[in-house]
């Protein structure tokens, strides 16, 4: 594989690979080897239906190179949505990031539909509406506190998933109140979330980081946006809280590793210096996901 200079030392904290319940562009072993060959520092494997802790454990022990692999759990129907038992099981087995509902969120279903591409994942027969953080009285759901306290106890990362901006801001507020220290607004500029820049600033003021994924600008993404929109949001909200990742793994987008390099070059052409890119693809994601100093045996 060709060497991509901008990828050396980079983290991509949002990548999908096989095995998965839908076809993916690359298997995780091929993906991991490609990241290692590029001397990337970190890659987070995401699956919308289950924890990736087991896969990541194997990758970290078999591919002992410069690249560190991170795991995640998304709280969708296959794990019972915001289910404390599923969260505890995942955290006890080493999961690094817990995402609130993605394709199973009510907000996602309203914007992108239920069980449709690009997220044609298993859906429940008894819940076609999806998860909303608030109940019918306007209060947050009962299991929320227990889940947030577990994320805090294990010093894991909280991802807001595909919740609406209003839900995400409330989730961040309650996460901070319950001791969660590491929070990321999942692909804030992607059309399924579409968090306004002022809302992004509010999230940052509470301690969250803002993720921008290049999937948002591809033809694979419903209601795609221009790359310039991501640039403008980053400049408005600030480099110090911004993370660039791909959310790639779709067959039509090809290799996530090559795609990452391609879009980083595009960002450079839009005026971001190499030092600025380094902040968003190394410094900020490393601070978010890397907890090795607290888990020497992981």
Protein backbone atom coordinates (compact mmCIF):
# COMPACT_ATOMS: atom_id res chain seq x y z
CA UNK A 1 0.00 0.00 0.00
CA UNK A 2 1.12 3.51 -0.79
CA UNK A 3 2.40 5.49 2.20
CA UNK A 4 0.23 8.43 3.25
CA UNK A 5 2.35 10.91 5.18
CA UNK A 6 -0.54 12.67 6.92
CA UNK A 7 -1.66 9.40 8.50
CA UNK A 8 1.52 8.79 10.48
CA UNK A 9 0.62 9.18 14.14
CA UNK A 10 -3.08 9.68 13.34
CA UNK A 11 -6.12 8.29 15.14
CA UNK A 12 -9.38 7.40 13.43
CA UNK A 13 -11.91 6.90 16.21
CA UNK A 14 -14.82 5.85 14.00
CA UNK A 15 -14.32 2.92 11.62
CA UNK A 16 -16.51 -0.05 10.60
CA UNK A 17 -15.23 -3.38 9.34
CA UNK A 18 -16.25 -7.01 8.87
CA UNK A 19 -17.57 -9.06 10.57
CA UNK A 20 -20.76 -7.03 10.62
CA UNK A 21 -24.43 -7.60 9.86
CA UNK A 22 -24.07 -5.66 6.60
CA UNK A 23 -21.26 -5.85 4.00
CA UNK A 24 -18.18 -3.77 4.79
CA UNK A 25 -15.31 -2.57 2.61
CA UNK A 26 -12.63 -4.34 4.64
CA UNK A 27 -12.29 -7.01 7.29
CA UNK A 28 -10.95 -5.80 10.62
CA UNK A 29 -7.67 -7.73 10.26
CA UNK A 30 -7.01 -6.20 6.84
CA UNK A 31 -8.06 -2.82 8.19
CA UNK A 32 -5.81 -3.12 11.24
CA UNK A 33 -2.82 -4.18 9.18
CA UNK A 34 -3.33 -1.26 6.81
CA UNK A 35 -3.47 1.18 9.76
CA UNK A 36 -0.32 -0.33 11.24
CA UNK A 37 1.51 -0.10 7.89
CA UNK A 38 0.69 3.61 7.79
CA UNK A 39 2.08 3.97 11.33
CA UNK A 40 -1.22 5.27 12.63
CA UNK A 41 -1.42 5.56 16.41
CA UNK A 42 -5.03 4.55 16.96
CA UNK A 43 -8.11 3.01 15.35
CA UNK A 44 -11.51 2.56 16.98
CA UNK A 45 -13.65 -0.30 15.66
CA UNK A 46 -17.37 0.42 15.82
CA UNK A 47 -20.29 -1.97 15.43
CA UNK A 48 -23.91 -0.81 15.72
CA UNK A 49 -25.12 -4.12 17.16
CA UNK A 50 -22.56 -5.43 19.67
CA UNK A 51 -19.39 -4.69 21.60
CA UNK A 52 -16.13 -4.90 19.66
CA UNK A 53 -14.02 -5.51 22.77
CA UNK A 54 -13.24 -9.12 21.84
CA UNK A 55 -12.08 -8.23 18.33
CA UNK A 56 -9.96 -5.37 19.58
CA UNK A 57 -8.35 -7.52 22.30
CA UNK A 58 -7.17 -9.95 19.62
CA UNK A 59 -5.92 -7.16 17.33
CA UNK A 60 -3.91 -5.54 20.13
CA UNK A 61 -2.27 -8.84 21.07
CA UNK A 62 -1.59 -10.14 17.57
CA UNK A 63 -0.57 -6.89 15.86
CA UNK A 64 1.89 -5.47 18.36
CA UNK A 65 2.87 -2.39 16.41
CA UNK A 66 2.57 1.35 16.72
CA UNK A 67 -1.21 1.33 16.26
CA UNK A 68 -3.50 0.84 19.25
CA UNK A 69 -7.01 -0.49 18.65
CA UNK A 70 -10.03 0.67 20.65
CA UNK A 71 -13.46 -0.89 21.15
CA UNK A 72 -17.01 0.33 21.48
CA UNK A 73 -20.61 -0.61 22.26
CA UNK A 74 -23.65 1.04 20.66
CA UNK A 75 -26.86 0.91 22.72
CA UNK A 76 -29.29 -0.23 20.06
CA UNK A 77 -32.04 -2.89 20.06
CA UNK A 78 -29.69 -5.93 19.86
CA UNK A 79 -28.34 -5.09 23.35
CA UNK A 80 -31.64 -3.83 24.78
CA UNK A 81 -31.06 -0.11 24.18
CA UNK A 82 -29.89 1.73 27.33
CA UNK A 83 -29.51 -1.50 29.23
CA UNK A 84 -27.34 -1.33 32.39
CA UNK A 85 -26.58 -5.06 32.26
CA UNK A 86 -25.31 -4.86 28.68
CA UNK A 87 -23.25 -1.79 29.54
CA UNK A 88 -21.74 -3.43 32.62
CA UNK A 89 -20.85 -6.56 30.67
CA UNK A 90 -19.18 -4.52 27.95
CA UNK A 91 -17.25 -2.32 30.37
CA UNK A 92 -16.07 -5.27 32.45
CA UNK A 93 -14.69 -6.86 29.28
CA UNK A 94 -12.76 -3.71 28.39
CA UNK A 95 -14.97 -1.68 26.05
CA UNK A 96 -13.53 1.80 25.58
CA UNK A 97 -16.49 3.82 24.23
CA UNK A 98 -20.22 3.51 24.96
CA UNK A 99 -22.43 5.13 22.33
CA UNK A 100 -26.00 6.01 23.10
CA UNK A 101 -28.45 4.70 20.46
CA UNK A 102 -27.42 5.20 16.86
CA UNK A 103 -29.68 3.63 14.22
CA UNK A 104 -32.15 2.80 17.01
CA UNK A 105 -32.59 6.42 18.12
CA UNK A 106 -35.93 8.09 17.47
CA UNK A 107 -34.04 11.01 15.96
CA UNK A 108 -32.27 8.69 13.52
CA UNK A 109 -35.51 7.03 12.47
CA UNK A 110 -37.17 10.39 11.86
CA UNK A 111 -34.26 11.59 9.72
CA UNK A 112 -32.90 8.49 7.99
CA UNK A 113 -35.64 5.88 8.46
CA UNK A 114 -35.81 2.52 10.22
CA UNK A 115 -33.57 -0.30 9.02
CA UNK A 116 -32.74 1.43 5.73
CA UNK A 117 -29.34 1.99 4.08
CA UNK A 118 -26.82 3.19 5.02
CA UNK A 119 -27.82 1.66 8.39
CA UNK A 120 -29.84 -1.42 7.43
CA UNK A 121 -29.36 -3.18 10.76
CA UNK A 122 -31.72 -5.51 12.71
CA UNK A 123 -34.75 -3.71 14.08
CA UNK A 124 -37.21 -4.80 16.80
CA UNK A 125 -40.79 -5.76 16.03
CA UNK A 126 -42.11 -4.00 19.14
CA UNK A 127 -40.38 -0.62 18.86
CA UNK A 128 -40.69 1.15 15.52
CA UNK A 129 -40.43 4.60 17.07
CA UNK A 130 -36.94 4.29 18.51
CA UNK A 131 -35.21 5.48 21.65
CA UNK A 132 -35.71 8.99 22.99
CA UNK A 133 -33.77 10.20 26.02
CA UNK A 134 -36.96 11.67 27.48
CA UNK A 135 -40.10 9.86 28.59
CA UNK A 136 -43.67 11.03 27.99
CA UNK A 137 -43.47 13.41 30.99
CA UNK A 138 -40.33 15.11 29.70
CA UNK A 139 -38.06 13.45 32.28
CA UNK A 140 -35.02 11.40 31.31
CA UNK A 141 -35.38 7.62 31.25
CA UNK A 142 -34.89 5.64 34.48
CA UNK A 143 -31.80 3.68 33.40
CA UNK A 144 -29.82 6.75 32.42
CA UNK A 145 -28.17 7.46 35.76
CA UNK A 146 -27.06 3.87 36.32
CA UNK A 147 -25.45 3.71 32.88
CA UNK A 148 -23.69 7.05 33.25
CA UNK A 149 -22.34 6.11 36.67
CA UNK A 150 -20.90 2.89 35.24
CA UNK A 151 -19.24 4.76 32.37
CA UNK A 152 -17.73 7.10 34.97
CA UNK A 153 -16.61 4.23 37.22
CA UNK A 154 -14.76 2.53 34.36
CA UNK A 155 -13.42 5.82 33.00
CA UNK A 156 -14.85 4.98 29.59
CA UNK A 157 -15.82 7.43 26.87
CA UNK A 158 -19.44 8.47 26.33
CA UNK A 159 -20.53 8.99 22.72
CA UNK A 160 -23.84 10.75 22.09
CA UNK A 161 -24.72 8.48 19.15
CA UNK A 162 -27.52 9.59 16.85
CA UNK A 163 -29.57 11.42 19.46
CA UNK A 164 -30.98 14.83 18.58
CA UNK A 165 -28.93 17.89 19.56
CA UNK A 166 -31.35 18.68 22.41
CA UNK A 167 -31.10 15.13 23.76
CA UNK A 168 -27.30 15.18 23.35
CA UNK A 169 -26.92 18.38 25.35
CA UNK A 170 -29.05 17.00 28.17
CA UNK A 171 -27.09 13.74 28.09
CA UNK A 172 -23.79 15.63 28.34
CA UNK A 173 -25.11 17.68 31.26
CA UNK A 174 -26.20 14.60 33.18
CA UNK A 175 -23.02 12.72 32.29
CA UNK A 176 -20.90 15.48 33.83
CA UNK A 177 -23.12 15.49 36.93
CA UNK A 178 -22.53 11.74 37.29
CA UNK A 179 -18.77 11.93 36.97
CA UNK A 180 -18.15 11.09 33.31
CA UNK A 181 -14.92 12.77 32.25
CA UNK A 182 -14.60 11.92 28.56
CA UNK A 183 -17.43 12.76 26.17
CA UNK A 184 -17.68 13.10 22.40
CA UNK A 185 -20.55 14.44 20.31
CA UNK A 186 -20.78 11.78 17.61
CA UNK A 187 -20.34 13.17 14.05
CA UNK A 188 -21.97 16.49 14.96
CA UNK A 189 -22.05 17.75 11.36
CA UNK A 190 -23.47 14.57 9.82
CA UNK A 191 -27.07 15.06 8.66
CA UNK A 192 -28.49 12.51 11.10
CA UNK A 193 -27.33 14.70 14.02
CA UNK A 194 -26.90 18.14 12.43
CA UNK A 195 -25.91 19.96 15.61
CA UNK A 196 -25.81 23.72 15.13
CA UNK A 197 -22.43 25.40 15.76
CA UNK A 198 -23.77 27.31 18.78
CA UNK A 199 -25.02 24.01 20.22
CA UNK A 200 -21.58 22.54 19.59
CA UNK A 201 -20.07 25.41 21.55
CA UNK A 202 -22.49 24.70 24.39
CA UNK A 203 -21.41 21.05 24.40
CA UNK A 204 -17.76 22.09 24.48
CA UNK A 205 -18.43 24.48 27.36
CA UNK A 206 -19.65 21.49 29.39
CA UNK A 207 -16.53 19.46 28.58
CA UNK A 208 -17.36 17.51 25.42
CA UNK A 209 -15.33 17.17 22.26
CA UNK A 210 -16.87 17.48 18.80
CA UNK A 211 -16.37 14.79 16.16
CA UNK A 212 -16.64 15.53 12.45
CA UNK A 213 -16.75 12.52 10.13
CA UNK A 214 -15.89 12.56 6.43
CA UNK A 215 -18.79 10.19 5.72
CA UNK A 216 -20.95 13.33 5.98
CA UNK A 217 -19.61 14.65 2.66
CA UNK A 218 -19.87 11.42 0.63
CA UNK A 219 -22.63 10.26 -1.68
CA UNK A 220 -23.28 7.39 0.75
CA UNK A 221 -24.64 9.81 3.34
CA UNK A 222 -28.26 10.97 3.09
CA UNK A 223 -28.39 14.75 2.70
CA UNK A 224 -24.63 15.04 2.37
CA UNK A 225 -22.95 18.34 3.19
CA UNK A 226 -20.01 20.19 1.67
CA UNK A 227 -16.57 19.75 3.19
CA UNK A 228 -16.47 23.53 3.56
CA UNK A 229 -19.29 23.22 6.11
CA UNK A 230 -17.08 21.10 8.33
CA UNK A 231 -14.28 23.60 7.92
CA UNK A 232 -16.55 26.50 8.93
CA UNK A 233 -17.88 24.67 11.98
CA UNK A 234 -14.38 23.80 13.18
CA UNK A 235 -13.17 27.36 12.74
CA UNK A 236 -16.21 28.66 14.63
CA UNK A 237 -16.16 26.18 17.51
CA UNK A 238 -12.38 25.81 17.77
CA UNK A 239 -9.57 23.38 16.96
CA UNK A 240 -8.91 22.49 20.59
CA UNK A 241 -12.20 20.57 20.89
CA UNK A 242 -12.47 19.16 17.33
CA UNK A 243 -11.76 15.62 16.14
CA UNK A 244 -11.63 14.45 12.54
CA UNK A 245 -12.53 10.84 11.77
CA UNK A 246 -14.08 8.94 8.87
CA UNK A 247 -17.11 6.83 9.89
CA UNK A 248 -16.00 4.79 6.86
CA UNK A 249 -16.42 1.12 6.16
CA UNK A 250 -19.18 1.40 3.57
CA UNK A 251 -18.38 -0.74 0.52
CA UNK A 252 -18.88 2.18 -1.87
CA UNK A 253 -16.38 4.36 0.02
CA UNK A 254 -13.56 1.82 -0.25
CA UNK A 255 -10.65 1.59 2.13
CA UNK A 256 -11.18 3.70 5.28
CA UNK A 257 -7.42 4.20 5.49
CA UNK A 258 -7.07 5.56 1.97
CA UNK A 259 -10.26 7.57 2.40
CA UNK A 260 -8.94 9.19 5.56
CA UNK A 261 -5.79 10.32 3.78
CA UNK A 262 -7.77 11.64 0.81
CA UNK A 263 -10.01 13.83 2.96
CA UNK A 264 -7.15 15.06 5.11
CA UNK A 265 -5.50 16.29 1.92
CA UNK A 266 -8.78 18.00 1.03
CA UNK A 267 -8.83 19.70 4.45
CA UNK A 268 -5.27 20.85 3.90
CA UNK A 269 -6.35 22.37 0.59
CA UNK A 270 -9.09 24.24 2.50
CA UNK A 271 -6.45 25.97 4.62
CA UNK A 272 -5.72 23.70 7.59
CA UNK A 273 -2.01 23.40 8.30
CA UNK A 274 -0.34 20.10 9.13
CA UNK A 275 0.00 21.26 12.73
CA UNK A 276 -3.72 22.00 12.90
CA UNK A 277 -4.58 18.63 11.39
CA UNK A 278 -2.27 16.95 13.91
CA UNK A 279 -4.27 18.50 16.74
CA UNK A 280 -7.52 17.10 15.32
CA UNK A 281 -6.30 13.63 14.29
CA UNK A 282 -3.75 12.97 17.05
CA UNK A 283 -3.79 15.24 20.10
CA UNK A 284 -7.54 15.51 20.63
CA UNK A 285 -8.53 11.89 19.85
CA UNK A 286 -5.61 10.59 21.95
CA UNK A 287 -6.82 12.61 24.93
CA UNK A 288 -10.32 11.26 24.38
CA UNK A 289 -9.72 7.51 24.02
CA UNK A 290 -6.30 6.66 25.45
CA UNK A 291 -6.47 5.51 29.06
CA UNK A 292 -3.50 3.13 29.11
CA UNK A 293 -1.89 4.94 32.02
CA UNK A 294 -4.89 3.85 34.09
CA UNK A 295 -5.04 0.30 32.67
CA UNK A 296 -1.50 -1.02 32.29
CA UNK A 297 -2.61 -4.57 31.65
CA UNK A 298 -5.24 -3.82 29.04
